């Protein structure tokens, strides 16, 4: 059951409970998976309470705030513009504008997802095997962009993300510079890799054609 005015896409099908909301959903928008958005909301609620969530949602329109404030379906898709605006607003509201304040949020999302959705993969694969599946892992979170990994040395890979820079088309700079490295490092930690490290070395928001990450472990 959807709340009035909510909008979510499940398994490639678009559903809306109001014509005004449906009209705002178009091919010019891209999406983030509900497990990431819901994990973000759960973190805000745990750290800042209901009042903090209400202040956090002020970054959105009333319809959008009702959508995110209601039930978020883990396997649903939500406009990535919501994610980007909520990320930026969180930094302003609770982090003094410092990008690194997003680290515990990314870590919380990664921890929950790795334990809920990736248990079999973590038991059966090595970090190298998982990195070679970067494309499919990326698609579990965003439906815009492509991610690929290439080996540059034993236990060292370059991961490349190509995606739109437009705020309603692709994940923003905080997701790339902080969120992705944290997720990769938590992944390696869960797999027992020592000294796992992911550095954001090139950024599509700073003149590069794609974001690049230097991923290594001991």
N, C-alpha and C. Protein backbone atom coordinates (compact mmCIF):
# COMPACT_ATOMS: atom_id res chain seq x y z
N UNK A 1 0.85 -1.20 0.00
CA UNK A 1 0.00 0.00 0.00
C UNK A 1 0.88 1.23 0.00
N UNK A 2 0.57 2.20 -0.86
CA UNK A 2 1.33 3.44 -0.93
C UNK A 2 0.58 4.54 -0.19
N UNK A 3 1.33 5.44 0.41
CA UNK A 3 0.73 6.60 1.03
C UNK A 3 0.28 7.57 -0.05
N UNK A 4 -0.70 8.44 0.24
CA UNK A 4 -1.16 9.40 -0.76
C UNK A 4 -0.01 10.25 -1.26
N UNK A 5 0.06 10.37 -2.59
CA UNK A 5 1.07 11.23 -3.17
C UNK A 5 2.44 10.60 -3.29
N UNK A 6 2.57 9.31 -2.95
CA UNK A 6 3.89 8.70 -3.05
C UNK A 6 4.12 8.17 -4.44
N UNK A 7 5.39 7.97 -4.75
CA UNK A 7 5.77 7.49 -6.07
C UNK A 7 6.93 6.54 -5.92
N UNK A 8 6.81 5.37 -6.49
CA UNK A 8 7.88 4.38 -6.40
C UNK A 8 7.82 3.50 -7.63
N UNK A 9 8.99 3.09 -8.11
CA UNK A 9 9.03 2.16 -9.23
C UNK A 9 9.55 0.83 -8.73
N UNK A 10 8.85 -0.24 -9.07
CA UNK A 10 9.24 -1.58 -8.65
C UNK A 10 9.35 -2.46 -9.89
N UNK A 11 10.53 -3.12 -10.01
CA UNK A 11 10.76 -4.06 -11.11
C UNK A 11 10.46 -3.42 -12.47
N UNK A 12 10.91 -2.18 -12.63
CA UNK A 12 10.80 -1.53 -13.92
C UNK A 12 9.44 -0.94 -14.23
N UNK A 13 8.47 -1.04 -13.31
CA UNK A 13 7.13 -0.51 -13.54
C UNK A 13 6.93 0.73 -12.70
N UNK A 14 6.35 1.76 -13.26
CA UNK A 14 6.15 3.01 -12.54
C UNK A 14 4.74 3.06 -11.98
N UNK A 15 4.64 3.40 -10.69
CA UNK A 15 3.35 3.48 -10.03
C UNK A 15 3.24 4.84 -9.36
N UNK A 16 2.07 5.46 -9.43
CA UNK A 16 1.85 6.72 -8.74
C UNK A 16 0.41 6.76 -8.26
N UNK A 17 0.18 7.43 -7.14
CA UNK A 17 -1.17 7.53 -6.60
C UNK A 17 -1.79 8.88 -6.89
N UNK A 18 -1.10 9.75 -7.61
CA UNK A 18 -1.67 11.05 -7.94
C UNK A 18 -1.14 11.52 -9.27
N UNK A 19 -2.00 12.16 -10.09
CA UNK A 19 -1.56 12.59 -11.41
C UNK A 19 -0.47 13.63 -11.32
N UNK A 20 -0.53 14.50 -10.30
CA UNK A 20 0.48 15.55 -10.18
C UNK A 20 1.85 14.94 -9.96
N UNK A 21 1.91 13.88 -9.14
CA UNK A 21 3.19 13.23 -8.90
C UNK A 21 3.62 12.46 -10.13
N UNK A 22 2.69 11.76 -10.78
CA UNK A 22 3.03 10.97 -11.95
C UNK A 22 3.62 11.85 -13.05
N UNK A 23 3.14 13.07 -13.17
CA UNK A 23 3.62 13.96 -14.22
C UNK A 23 5.06 14.36 -13.99
N UNK A 24 5.53 14.29 -12.76
CA UNK A 24 6.89 14.69 -12.44
C UNK A 24 7.88 13.58 -12.73
N UNK A 25 7.41 12.36 -12.91
CA UNK A 25 8.28 11.23 -13.20
C UNK A 25 8.47 11.14 -14.70
N UNK A 26 9.71 11.25 -15.16
CA UNK A 26 9.96 11.21 -16.59
C UNK A 26 11.29 10.55 -16.85
N UNK A 27 11.59 10.34 -18.12
CA UNK A 27 12.84 9.70 -18.49
C UNK A 27 14.05 10.59 -18.22
N UNK A 28 13.82 11.86 -17.86
CA UNK A 28 14.94 12.74 -17.54
C UNK A 28 15.44 12.52 -16.13
N UNK A 29 14.76 11.67 -15.35
CA UNK A 29 15.16 11.40 -13.98
C UNK A 29 15.75 10.00 -13.88
N UNK A 30 16.67 9.85 -12.93
CA UNK A 30 17.22 8.54 -12.60
C UNK A 30 16.89 8.24 -11.15
N UNK A 31 17.28 7.06 -10.69
CA UNK A 31 16.74 6.59 -9.42
C UNK A 31 17.78 5.93 -8.52
N UNK A 32 17.45 5.93 -7.23
CA UNK A 32 18.24 5.27 -6.21
C UNK A 32 17.38 4.18 -5.58
N UNK A 33 18.00 3.10 -5.16
CA UNK A 33 17.25 1.98 -4.59
C UNK A 33 16.77 2.33 -3.18
N UNK A 34 15.61 1.79 -2.83
CA UNK A 34 15.01 2.09 -1.54
C UNK A 34 15.83 1.65 -0.35
N UNK A 35 16.64 0.59 -0.49
CA UNK A 35 17.45 0.16 0.65
C UNK A 35 18.46 1.22 1.05
N UNK A 36 19.01 1.97 0.07
CA UNK A 36 19.95 3.04 0.38
C UNK A 36 19.22 4.23 1.01
N UNK A 37 18.11 4.64 0.40
CA UNK A 37 17.36 5.78 0.92
C UNK A 37 16.79 5.46 2.30
N UNK A 38 16.28 4.24 2.47
CA UNK A 38 15.75 3.85 3.77
C UNK A 38 16.83 3.77 4.84
N UNK A 39 18.02 3.28 4.45
CA UNK A 39 19.12 3.24 5.40
C UNK A 39 19.55 4.62 5.84
N UNK A 40 19.53 5.57 4.91
CA UNK A 40 19.85 6.96 5.23
C UNK A 40 18.84 7.50 6.24
N UNK A 41 17.57 7.29 5.96
CA UNK A 41 16.52 7.78 6.86
C UNK A 41 16.64 7.14 8.25
N UNK A 42 16.92 5.84 8.30
CA UNK A 42 17.06 5.16 9.59
C UNK A 42 18.22 5.74 10.40
N UNK A 43 19.30 6.08 9.71
CA UNK A 43 20.45 6.68 10.40
C UNK A 43 20.07 8.04 10.99
N UNK A 44 19.40 8.86 10.21
CA UNK A 44 19.00 10.18 10.70
C UNK A 44 18.09 10.04 11.92
N UNK A 45 17.14 9.11 11.85
CA UNK A 45 16.22 8.91 12.97
C UNK A 45 16.96 8.44 14.22
N UNK A 46 17.92 7.53 14.05
CA UNK A 46 18.66 7.00 15.19
C UNK A 46 19.56 8.05 15.83
N UNK A 47 20.14 8.90 15.01
CA UNK A 47 21.10 9.88 15.53
C UNK A 47 20.46 11.20 15.96
N UNK A 48 19.35 11.58 15.32
CA UNK A 48 18.80 12.91 15.54
C UNK A 48 17.32 12.92 15.93
N UNK A 49 16.71 11.74 16.00
CA UNK A 49 15.33 11.65 16.45
C UNK A 49 14.32 12.10 15.41
N UNK A 50 13.05 12.03 15.80
CA UNK A 50 11.96 12.39 14.89
C UNK A 50 12.05 13.85 14.47
N UNK A 51 12.44 14.72 15.40
CA UNK A 51 12.57 16.14 15.07
C UNK A 51 13.68 16.36 14.05
N UNK A 52 14.75 15.59 14.17
CA UNK A 52 15.84 15.69 13.20
C UNK A 52 15.42 15.25 11.82
N UNK A 53 14.63 14.18 11.76
CA UNK A 53 14.11 13.71 10.47
C UNK A 53 13.24 14.79 9.83
N UNK A 54 12.41 15.42 10.64
CA UNK A 54 11.53 16.47 10.12
C UNK A 54 12.34 17.63 9.55
N UNK A 55 13.39 18.03 10.24
CA UNK A 55 14.25 19.11 9.74
C UNK A 55 14.99 18.67 8.48
N UNK A 56 15.41 17.42 8.45
CA UNK A 56 16.12 16.87 7.29
C UNK A 56 15.24 16.90 6.05
N UNK A 57 13.96 16.59 6.23
CA UNK A 57 13.03 16.53 5.10
C UNK A 57 12.64 17.90 4.57
N UNK A 58 13.05 18.96 5.26
CA UNK A 58 12.75 20.31 4.78
C UNK A 58 13.44 20.62 3.45
N UNK A 59 14.40 19.79 3.07
CA UNK A 59 15.07 19.98 1.78
C UNK A 59 14.16 19.63 0.61
N UNK A 60 13.04 18.96 0.89
CA UNK A 60 12.16 18.45 -0.16
C UNK A 60 10.86 19.23 -0.24
N UNK A 61 10.14 19.03 -1.33
CA UNK A 61 8.80 19.57 -1.46
C UNK A 61 7.88 18.81 -0.49
N UNK A 62 6.70 19.36 -0.18
CA UNK A 62 5.78 18.64 0.71
C UNK A 62 5.45 17.23 0.22
N UNK A 63 5.24 17.06 -1.08
CA UNK A 63 4.93 15.74 -1.62
C UNK A 63 6.11 14.79 -1.45
N UNK A 64 7.30 15.29 -1.74
CA UNK A 64 8.50 14.45 -1.60
C UNK A 64 8.75 14.10 -0.14
N UNK A 65 8.54 15.08 0.76
CA UNK A 65 8.74 14.82 2.18
C UNK A 65 7.77 13.76 2.69
N UNK A 66 6.53 13.79 2.19
CA UNK A 66 5.56 12.77 2.58
C UNK A 66 5.99 11.40 2.07
N UNK A 67 6.57 11.37 0.89
CA UNK A 67 7.04 10.12 0.32
C UNK A 67 8.16 9.51 1.16
N UNK A 68 9.19 10.30 1.45
CA UNK A 68 10.33 9.79 2.20
C UNK A 68 9.97 9.57 3.67
N UNK A 69 9.06 10.39 4.19
CA UNK A 69 8.66 10.24 5.58
C UNK A 69 7.78 9.03 5.83
N UNK A 70 7.21 8.47 4.77
CA UNK A 70 6.38 7.28 4.90
C UNK A 70 7.20 6.01 4.81
N UNK A 71 6.58 4.95 4.34
CA UNK A 71 7.26 3.66 4.22
C UNK A 71 8.12 3.65 2.97
N UNK A 72 9.40 3.36 3.14
CA UNK A 72 10.32 3.24 2.01
C UNK A 72 10.53 1.76 1.72
N UNK A 73 10.20 1.35 0.52
CA UNK A 73 10.32 -0.05 0.14
C UNK A 73 11.77 -0.36 -0.26
N UNK A 74 12.43 -1.32 0.38
CA UNK A 74 13.84 -1.59 0.10
C UNK A 74 14.13 -1.92 -1.36
N UNK A 75 13.18 -2.58 -2.04
CA UNK A 75 13.41 -2.98 -3.42
C UNK A 75 12.76 -2.02 -4.42
N UNK A 76 12.22 -0.91 -3.93
CA UNK A 76 11.66 0.08 -4.83
C UNK A 76 12.72 1.04 -5.33
N UNK A 77 12.35 1.83 -6.33
CA UNK A 77 13.25 2.85 -6.88
C UNK A 77 12.65 4.22 -6.63
N UNK A 78 13.51 5.18 -6.23
CA UNK A 78 13.08 6.53 -5.91
C UNK A 78 13.95 7.53 -6.66
N UNK A 79 13.41 8.70 -7.03
CA UNK A 79 14.20 9.67 -7.80
C UNK A 79 15.53 10.01 -7.12
N UNK A 80 16.60 9.94 -7.88
CA UNK A 80 17.92 10.20 -7.31
C UNK A 80 18.06 11.65 -6.86
N UNK A 81 17.24 12.55 -7.42
CA UNK A 81 17.27 13.94 -6.97
C UNK A 81 16.95 14.07 -5.50
N UNK A 82 16.05 13.21 -4.99
CA UNK A 82 15.75 13.20 -3.55
C UNK A 82 17.01 12.89 -2.76
N UNK A 83 17.70 11.86 -3.20
CA UNK A 83 18.93 11.42 -2.52
C UNK A 83 19.97 12.54 -2.48
N UNK A 84 20.18 13.19 -3.61
CA UNK A 84 21.19 14.24 -3.68
C UNK A 84 20.84 15.43 -2.80
N UNK A 85 19.58 15.85 -2.83
CA UNK A 85 19.18 17.00 -2.01
C UNK A 85 19.24 16.67 -0.53
N UNK A 86 18.84 15.46 -0.16
CA UNK A 86 18.89 15.06 1.24
C UNK A 86 20.33 14.92 1.73
N UNK A 87 21.21 14.45 0.86
CA UNK A 87 22.63 14.35 1.23
C UNK A 87 23.21 15.73 1.48
N UNK A 88 22.99 16.65 0.57
CA UNK A 88 23.52 18.00 0.73
C UNK A 88 22.94 18.69 1.96
N UNK A 89 21.64 18.49 2.18
CA UNK A 89 21.00 19.14 3.32
C UNK A 89 21.50 18.57 4.64
N UNK A 90 21.76 17.26 4.67
CA UNK A 90 22.29 16.65 5.89
C UNK A 90 23.64 17.27 6.25
N UNK A 91 24.49 17.43 5.26
CA UNK A 91 25.80 18.02 5.52
C UNK A 91 25.67 19.43 6.09
N UNK A 92 24.75 20.21 5.53
CA UNK A 92 24.55 21.58 6.00
C UNK A 92 23.94 21.60 7.40
N UNK A 93 22.97 20.72 7.62
CA UNK A 93 22.19 20.74 8.86
C UNK A 93 22.93 20.14 10.04
N UNK A 94 23.61 19.02 9.81
CA UNK A 94 24.21 18.28 10.93
C UNK A 94 25.73 18.14 10.85
N UNK A 95 26.32 18.48 9.71
CA UNK A 95 27.75 18.23 9.55
C UNK A 95 28.61 19.44 9.31
N UNK A 96 28.04 20.63 9.47
CA UNK A 96 28.84 21.83 9.27
C UNK A 96 29.37 21.97 7.86
N UNK A 97 28.73 21.28 6.90
CA UNK A 97 29.16 21.36 5.52
C UNK A 97 30.35 20.48 5.17
N UNK A 98 30.82 19.66 6.12
CA UNK A 98 31.99 18.82 5.88
C UNK A 98 31.59 17.51 5.22
N UNK A 99 32.12 17.19 4.05
CA UNK A 99 31.73 15.96 3.35
C UNK A 99 31.96 14.69 4.16
N UNK A 100 33.00 14.67 5.01
CA UNK A 100 33.32 13.45 5.73
C UNK A 100 32.27 13.07 6.77
N UNK A 101 31.34 13.98 7.07
CA UNK A 101 30.28 13.61 8.01
C UNK A 101 29.33 12.59 7.38
N UNK A 102 29.47 12.37 6.07
CA UNK A 102 28.66 11.34 5.40
C UNK A 102 29.22 9.94 5.62
N UNK A 103 30.44 9.82 6.13
CA UNK A 103 31.08 8.51 6.30
C UNK A 103 30.25 7.57 7.18
N UNK A 104 29.81 7.98 8.37
CA UNK A 104 29.03 7.03 9.18
C UNK A 104 27.71 6.63 8.55
N UNK A 105 27.13 7.50 7.73
CA UNK A 105 25.90 7.15 7.03
C UNK A 105 26.18 6.06 6.01
N UNK A 106 27.22 6.27 5.20
CA UNK A 106 27.59 5.27 4.20
C UNK A 106 27.96 3.95 4.86
N UNK A 107 28.66 4.02 6.00
CA UNK A 107 29.05 2.79 6.70
C UNK A 107 27.83 2.04 7.22
N UNK A 108 26.84 2.78 7.74
CA UNK A 108 25.62 2.14 8.25
C UNK A 108 24.84 1.46 7.13
N UNK A 109 24.73 2.13 5.98
CA UNK A 109 24.04 1.53 4.83
C UNK A 109 24.78 0.29 4.36
N UNK A 110 26.11 0.38 4.27
CA UNK A 110 26.91 -0.75 3.82
C UNK A 110 26.77 -1.93 4.78
N UNK A 111 26.86 -1.67 6.08
CA UNK A 111 26.78 -2.76 7.06
C UNK A 111 25.45 -3.49 6.95
N UNK A 112 24.37 -2.74 6.86
CA UNK A 112 23.05 -3.38 6.79
C UNK A 112 22.90 -4.19 5.51
N UNK A 113 23.33 -3.62 4.39
CA UNK A 113 23.17 -4.32 3.12
C UNK A 113 24.07 -5.54 3.02
N UNK A 114 25.30 -5.42 3.50
CA UNK A 114 26.23 -6.55 3.42
C UNK A 114 25.73 -7.73 4.25
N UNK A 115 25.06 -7.45 5.34
CA UNK A 115 24.54 -8.52 6.19
C UNK A 115 23.22 -9.08 5.68
N UNK A 116 22.43 -8.26 4.98
CA UNK A 116 21.10 -8.70 4.53
C UNK A 116 21.12 -9.29 3.13
N UNK A 117 21.88 -8.69 2.22
CA UNK A 117 21.76 -9.05 0.80
C UNK A 117 22.98 -9.74 0.20
N UNK A 118 24.13 -9.64 0.87
CA UNK A 118 25.35 -10.12 0.24
C UNK A 118 26.04 -11.24 1.02
N UNK A 119 25.30 -11.92 1.89
CA UNK A 119 25.90 -12.93 2.75
C UNK A 119 26.57 -14.04 1.95
N UNK A 120 25.87 -14.59 0.97
CA UNK A 120 26.41 -15.69 0.18
C UNK A 120 27.63 -15.23 -0.61
N UNK A 121 27.54 -14.04 -1.20
CA UNK A 121 28.65 -13.52 -1.98
C UNK A 121 29.90 -13.35 -1.13
N UNK A 122 29.74 -12.85 0.08
CA UNK A 122 30.88 -12.60 0.95
C UNK A 122 31.56 -13.90 1.36
N UNK A 123 30.78 -14.97 1.51
CA UNK A 123 31.35 -16.25 1.92
C UNK A 123 32.07 -16.96 0.77
N UNK A 124 31.60 -16.72 -0.45
CA UNK A 124 32.07 -17.52 -1.58
C UNK A 124 33.14 -16.84 -2.42
N UNK A 125 33.32 -15.53 -2.26
CA UNK A 125 34.16 -14.80 -3.20
C UNK A 125 35.34 -14.13 -2.51
N UNK A 126 36.31 -13.74 -3.32
CA UNK A 126 37.44 -12.94 -2.87
C UNK A 126 37.18 -11.49 -3.23
N UNK A 127 37.93 -10.53 -2.66
CA UNK A 127 37.74 -9.12 -3.06
C UNK A 127 37.87 -8.92 -4.56
N UNK A 128 38.81 -9.62 -5.19
CA UNK A 128 38.99 -9.47 -6.63
C UNK A 128 37.76 -9.93 -7.40
N UNK A 129 37.18 -11.05 -6.97
CA UNK A 129 35.98 -11.56 -7.63
C UNK A 129 34.83 -10.57 -7.51
N UNK A 130 34.67 -9.99 -6.33
CA UNK A 130 33.59 -9.03 -6.12
C UNK A 130 33.81 -7.78 -6.95
N UNK A 131 35.04 -7.29 -6.99
CA UNK A 131 35.33 -6.09 -7.77
C UNK A 131 35.04 -6.31 -9.25
N UNK A 132 35.29 -7.51 -9.74
CA UNK A 132 35.00 -7.79 -11.15
C UNK A 132 33.50 -7.80 -11.43
N UNK A 133 32.71 -7.81 -10.37
CA UNK A 133 31.25 -7.74 -10.51
C UNK A 133 30.74 -6.35 -10.16
N UNK A 134 31.60 -5.35 -10.27
CA UNK A 134 31.23 -3.98 -9.89
C UNK A 134 30.00 -3.48 -10.63
N UNK A 135 29.86 -3.84 -11.90
CA UNK A 135 28.72 -3.34 -12.68
C UNK A 135 27.40 -3.77 -12.06
N UNK A 136 27.28 -5.05 -11.72
CA UNK A 136 26.02 -5.54 -11.15
C UNK A 136 25.80 -5.01 -9.74
N UNK A 137 26.87 -4.82 -8.97
CA UNK A 137 26.72 -4.26 -7.63
C UNK A 137 26.24 -2.82 -7.69
N UNK A 138 26.78 -2.05 -8.62
CA UNK A 138 26.34 -0.66 -8.77
C UNK A 138 24.85 -0.59 -9.09
N UNK A 139 24.39 -1.50 -9.94
CA UNK A 139 22.99 -1.49 -10.35
C UNK A 139 22.04 -1.85 -9.21
N UNK A 140 22.56 -2.34 -8.10
CA UNK A 140 21.73 -2.59 -6.93
C UNK A 140 21.40 -1.30 -6.18
N UNK A 141 22.08 -0.21 -6.53
CA UNK A 141 21.87 1.06 -5.83
C UNK A 141 21.37 2.18 -6.74
N UNK A 142 21.85 2.24 -7.97
CA UNK A 142 21.48 3.31 -8.88
C UNK A 142 21.20 2.73 -10.27
N UNK A 143 20.22 3.32 -10.96
CA UNK A 143 19.93 2.85 -12.32
C UNK A 143 20.53 3.75 -13.38
N UNK A 144 21.41 4.66 -12.98
CA UNK A 144 22.14 5.53 -13.90
C UNK A 144 23.63 5.30 -13.71
N UNK A 145 24.35 5.21 -14.82
CA UNK A 145 25.79 5.08 -14.75
C UNK A 145 26.26 3.65 -14.87
N UNK A 146 27.56 3.51 -15.14
CA UNK A 146 28.18 2.20 -15.23
C UNK A 146 29.46 2.19 -14.40
N UNK A 147 29.72 1.07 -13.77
CA UNK A 147 30.93 0.91 -12.97
C UNK A 147 31.68 -0.32 -13.45
N UNK A 148 32.98 -0.17 -13.63
CA UNK A 148 33.80 -1.29 -14.07
C UNK A 148 35.13 -1.26 -13.33
N UNK A 149 35.72 -2.43 -13.17
CA UNK A 149 36.98 -2.55 -12.45
C UNK A 149 38.01 -3.24 -13.33
N UNK A 150 39.25 -2.79 -13.23
CA UNK A 150 40.35 -3.41 -13.98
C UNK A 150 41.53 -3.61 -13.04
N UNK A 151 42.18 -4.76 -13.16
CA UNK A 151 43.31 -5.09 -12.30
C UNK A 151 44.55 -4.36 -12.79
N UNK A 152 45.25 -3.69 -11.88
CA UNK A 152 46.49 -3.00 -12.24
C UNK A 152 47.71 -3.65 -11.60
N UNK A 153 47.48 -4.47 -10.57
CA UNK A 153 48.54 -5.20 -9.88
C UNK A 153 47.86 -6.21 -8.96
N UNK A 154 48.59 -7.21 -8.46
CA UNK A 154 47.98 -8.13 -7.51
C UNK A 154 47.38 -7.37 -6.32
N UNK A 155 46.12 -7.64 -6.03
CA UNK A 155 45.40 -7.01 -4.93
C UNK A 155 45.28 -5.50 -5.08
N UNK A 156 45.23 -5.06 -6.31
CA UNK A 156 45.02 -3.63 -6.56
C UNK A 156 44.23 -3.45 -7.86
N UNK A 157 43.15 -2.67 -7.78
CA UNK A 157 42.27 -2.46 -8.92
C UNK A 157 41.98 -0.97 -9.08
N UNK A 158 41.71 -0.59 -10.31
CA UNK A 158 41.14 0.72 -10.59
C UNK A 158 39.66 0.52 -10.91
N UNK A 159 38.81 1.20 -10.17
CA UNK A 159 37.36 1.14 -10.40
C UNK A 159 36.95 2.47 -11.03
N UNK A 160 36.20 2.38 -12.11
CA UNK A 160 35.82 3.57 -12.87
C UNK A 160 34.30 3.69 -12.92
N UNK A 161 33.79 4.86 -12.54
CA UNK A 161 32.36 5.14 -12.57
C UNK A 161 32.07 6.23 -13.60
N UNK A 162 31.24 5.90 -14.57
CA UNK A 162 30.78 6.86 -15.55
C UNK A 162 29.30 7.12 -15.29
N UNK A 163 28.94 8.38 -15.06
CA UNK A 163 27.55 8.72 -14.75
C UNK A 163 27.33 10.21 -15.02
N UNK A 164 26.07 10.57 -15.12
CA UNK A 164 25.71 11.97 -15.36
C UNK A 164 26.08 12.83 -14.16
N UNK A 165 26.40 14.09 -14.43
CA UNK A 165 26.66 15.06 -13.36
C UNK A 165 25.40 15.85 -12.99
N UNK A 166 24.33 15.69 -13.73
CA UNK A 166 23.10 16.43 -13.45
C UNK A 166 22.46 15.90 -12.17
N UNK A 167 21.96 16.78 -11.30
CA UNK A 167 21.46 16.35 -9.99
C UNK A 167 20.26 15.42 -10.02
N UNK A 168 19.47 15.44 -11.10
CA UNK A 168 18.34 14.53 -11.22
C UNK A 168 18.65 13.32 -12.09
N UNK A 169 19.92 13.19 -12.49
CA UNK A 169 20.30 12.09 -13.37
C UNK A 169 21.31 11.13 -12.75
N UNK A 170 22.14 11.61 -11.84
CA UNK A 170 23.16 10.74 -11.27
C UNK A 170 23.49 11.11 -9.84
N UNK A 171 24.16 10.22 -9.12
CA UNK A 171 24.55 10.52 -7.74
C UNK A 171 25.53 11.68 -7.69
N UNK A 172 25.43 12.48 -6.63
CA UNK A 172 26.23 13.68 -6.51
C UNK A 172 27.64 13.43 -6.00
N UNK A 173 28.41 14.50 -5.84
CA UNK A 173 29.83 14.37 -5.48
C UNK A 173 30.08 13.74 -4.12
N UNK A 174 29.18 13.92 -3.16
CA UNK A 174 29.40 13.33 -1.83
C UNK A 174 29.28 11.81 -1.90
N UNK A 175 28.32 11.32 -2.66
CA UNK A 175 28.18 9.87 -2.83
C UNK A 175 29.45 9.28 -3.42
N UNK A 176 30.02 9.98 -4.40
CA UNK A 176 31.21 9.44 -5.08
C UNK A 176 32.47 9.58 -4.23
N UNK A 177 32.67 10.75 -3.63
CA UNK A 177 33.93 11.00 -2.93
C UNK A 177 33.98 10.33 -1.56
N UNK A 178 32.82 10.12 -0.94
CA UNK A 178 32.79 9.55 0.41
C UNK A 178 32.05 8.21 0.44
N UNK A 179 30.85 8.16 -0.13
CA UNK A 179 30.01 6.97 -0.02
C UNK A 179 30.61 5.73 -0.64
N UNK A 180 31.08 5.83 -1.88
CA UNK A 180 31.63 4.66 -2.57
C UNK A 180 32.89 4.14 -1.88
N UNK A 181 33.87 5.00 -1.52
CA UNK A 181 35.04 4.48 -0.81
C UNK A 181 34.69 3.77 0.49
N UNK A 182 33.76 4.32 1.26
CA UNK A 182 33.38 3.68 2.52
C UNK A 182 32.76 2.31 2.24
N UNK A 183 31.87 2.22 1.24
CA UNK A 183 31.23 0.94 0.92
C UNK A 183 32.28 -0.09 0.52
N UNK A 184 33.22 0.30 -0.32
CA UNK A 184 34.27 -0.63 -0.76
C UNK A 184 35.11 -1.10 0.43
N UNK A 185 35.45 -0.19 1.32
CA UNK A 185 36.28 -0.56 2.47
C UNK A 185 35.53 -1.48 3.44
N UNK A 186 34.23 -1.23 3.63
CA UNK A 186 33.44 -2.11 4.49
C UNK A 186 33.32 -3.50 3.87
N UNK A 187 33.18 -3.54 2.55
CA UNK A 187 33.12 -4.82 1.84
C UNK A 187 34.39 -5.63 2.09
N UNK A 188 35.55 -5.01 1.92
CA UNK A 188 36.80 -5.73 2.11
C UNK A 188 36.98 -6.17 3.55
N UNK A 189 36.53 -5.34 4.48
CA UNK A 189 36.62 -5.71 5.89
C UNK A 189 35.78 -6.96 6.19
N UNK A 190 34.58 -7.02 5.63
CA UNK A 190 33.72 -8.17 5.84
C UNK A 190 34.31 -9.44 5.23
N UNK A 191 35.12 -9.28 4.20
CA UNK A 191 35.72 -10.44 3.55
C UNK A 191 37.04 -10.84 4.19
N UNK A 192 37.43 -10.14 5.24
CA UNK A 192 38.65 -10.49 5.95
C UNK A 192 39.92 -9.96 5.32
N UNK A 193 39.80 -9.05 4.35
CA UNK A 193 40.99 -8.49 3.72
C UNK A 193 41.66 -7.49 4.66
N UNK A 194 42.97 -7.56 4.73
CA UNK A 194 43.71 -6.65 5.60
C UNK A 194 44.04 -5.35 4.86
N UNK A 195 44.01 -4.27 5.60
CA UNK A 195 44.42 -2.96 5.09
C UNK A 195 43.67 -2.60 3.81
N UNK A 196 42.38 -2.90 3.77
CA UNK A 196 41.58 -2.53 2.61
C UNK A 196 41.45 -1.02 2.51
N UNK A 197 41.67 -0.51 1.32
CA UNK A 197 41.64 0.94 1.13
C UNK A 197 41.04 1.28 -0.23
N UNK A 198 40.22 2.32 -0.26
CA UNK A 198 39.65 2.82 -1.51
C UNK A 198 39.81 4.33 -1.54
N UNK A 199 40.56 4.83 -2.51
CA UNK A 199 40.81 6.26 -2.64
C UNK A 199 40.13 6.79 -3.90
N UNK A 200 39.44 7.90 -3.75
CA UNK A 200 38.79 8.56 -4.89
C UNK A 200 39.83 9.45 -5.55
N UNK A 201 40.38 9.01 -6.67
CA UNK A 201 41.54 9.68 -7.26
C UNK A 201 41.19 10.66 -8.38
N UNK A 202 40.08 10.43 -9.06
CA UNK A 202 39.63 11.35 -10.11
C UNK A 202 38.13 11.52 -9.98
N UNK A 203 37.64 12.74 -10.29
CA UNK A 203 36.23 13.04 -10.05
C UNK A 203 35.60 13.70 -11.27
N UNK A 204 34.45 13.21 -11.67
CA UNK A 204 33.76 13.79 -12.82
C UNK A 204 33.20 15.16 -12.50
N UNK A 205 33.13 15.53 -11.21
CA UNK A 205 32.69 16.87 -10.83
C UNK A 205 33.87 17.85 -10.77
N UNK A 206 35.07 17.35 -11.05
CA UNK A 206 36.26 18.20 -11.04
C UNK A 206 37.03 18.08 -12.35
N UNK A 207 36.30 17.93 -13.43
CA UNK A 207 36.91 17.97 -14.74
C UNK A 207 37.20 16.63 -15.39
N UNK A 208 37.16 15.54 -14.64
CA UNK A 208 37.43 14.23 -15.23
C UNK A 208 36.18 13.71 -15.95
N UNK A 209 36.39 12.85 -16.94
CA UNK A 209 35.26 12.27 -17.65
C UNK A 209 34.52 11.26 -16.79
N UNK A 210 35.22 10.67 -15.84
CA UNK A 210 34.61 9.66 -14.96
C UNK A 210 35.29 9.72 -13.60
N UNK A 211 34.60 9.22 -12.59
CA UNK A 211 35.22 9.07 -11.28
C UNK A 211 36.08 7.80 -11.29
N UNK A 212 37.24 7.87 -10.66
CA UNK A 212 38.11 6.71 -10.56
C UNK A 212 38.50 6.48 -9.11
N UNK A 213 38.64 5.20 -8.76
CA UNK A 213 38.95 4.80 -7.39
C UNK A 213 40.11 3.81 -7.42
N UNK A 214 41.06 4.03 -6.54
CA UNK A 214 42.20 3.12 -6.38
C UNK A 214 41.88 2.20 -5.21
N UNK A 215 41.60 0.93 -5.50
CA UNK A 215 41.19 -0.03 -4.48
C UNK A 215 42.31 -1.04 -4.27
N UNK A 216 42.73 -1.21 -3.03
CA UNK A 216 43.82 -2.15 -2.74
C UNK A 216 43.61 -2.79 -1.38
N UNK A 217 44.27 -3.91 -1.15
CA UNK A 217 44.21 -4.60 0.13
C UNK A 217 45.48 -5.41 0.33
N UNK A 218 45.76 -5.76 1.59
CA UNK A 218 46.98 -6.47 1.91
C UNK A 218 46.83 -7.98 1.83
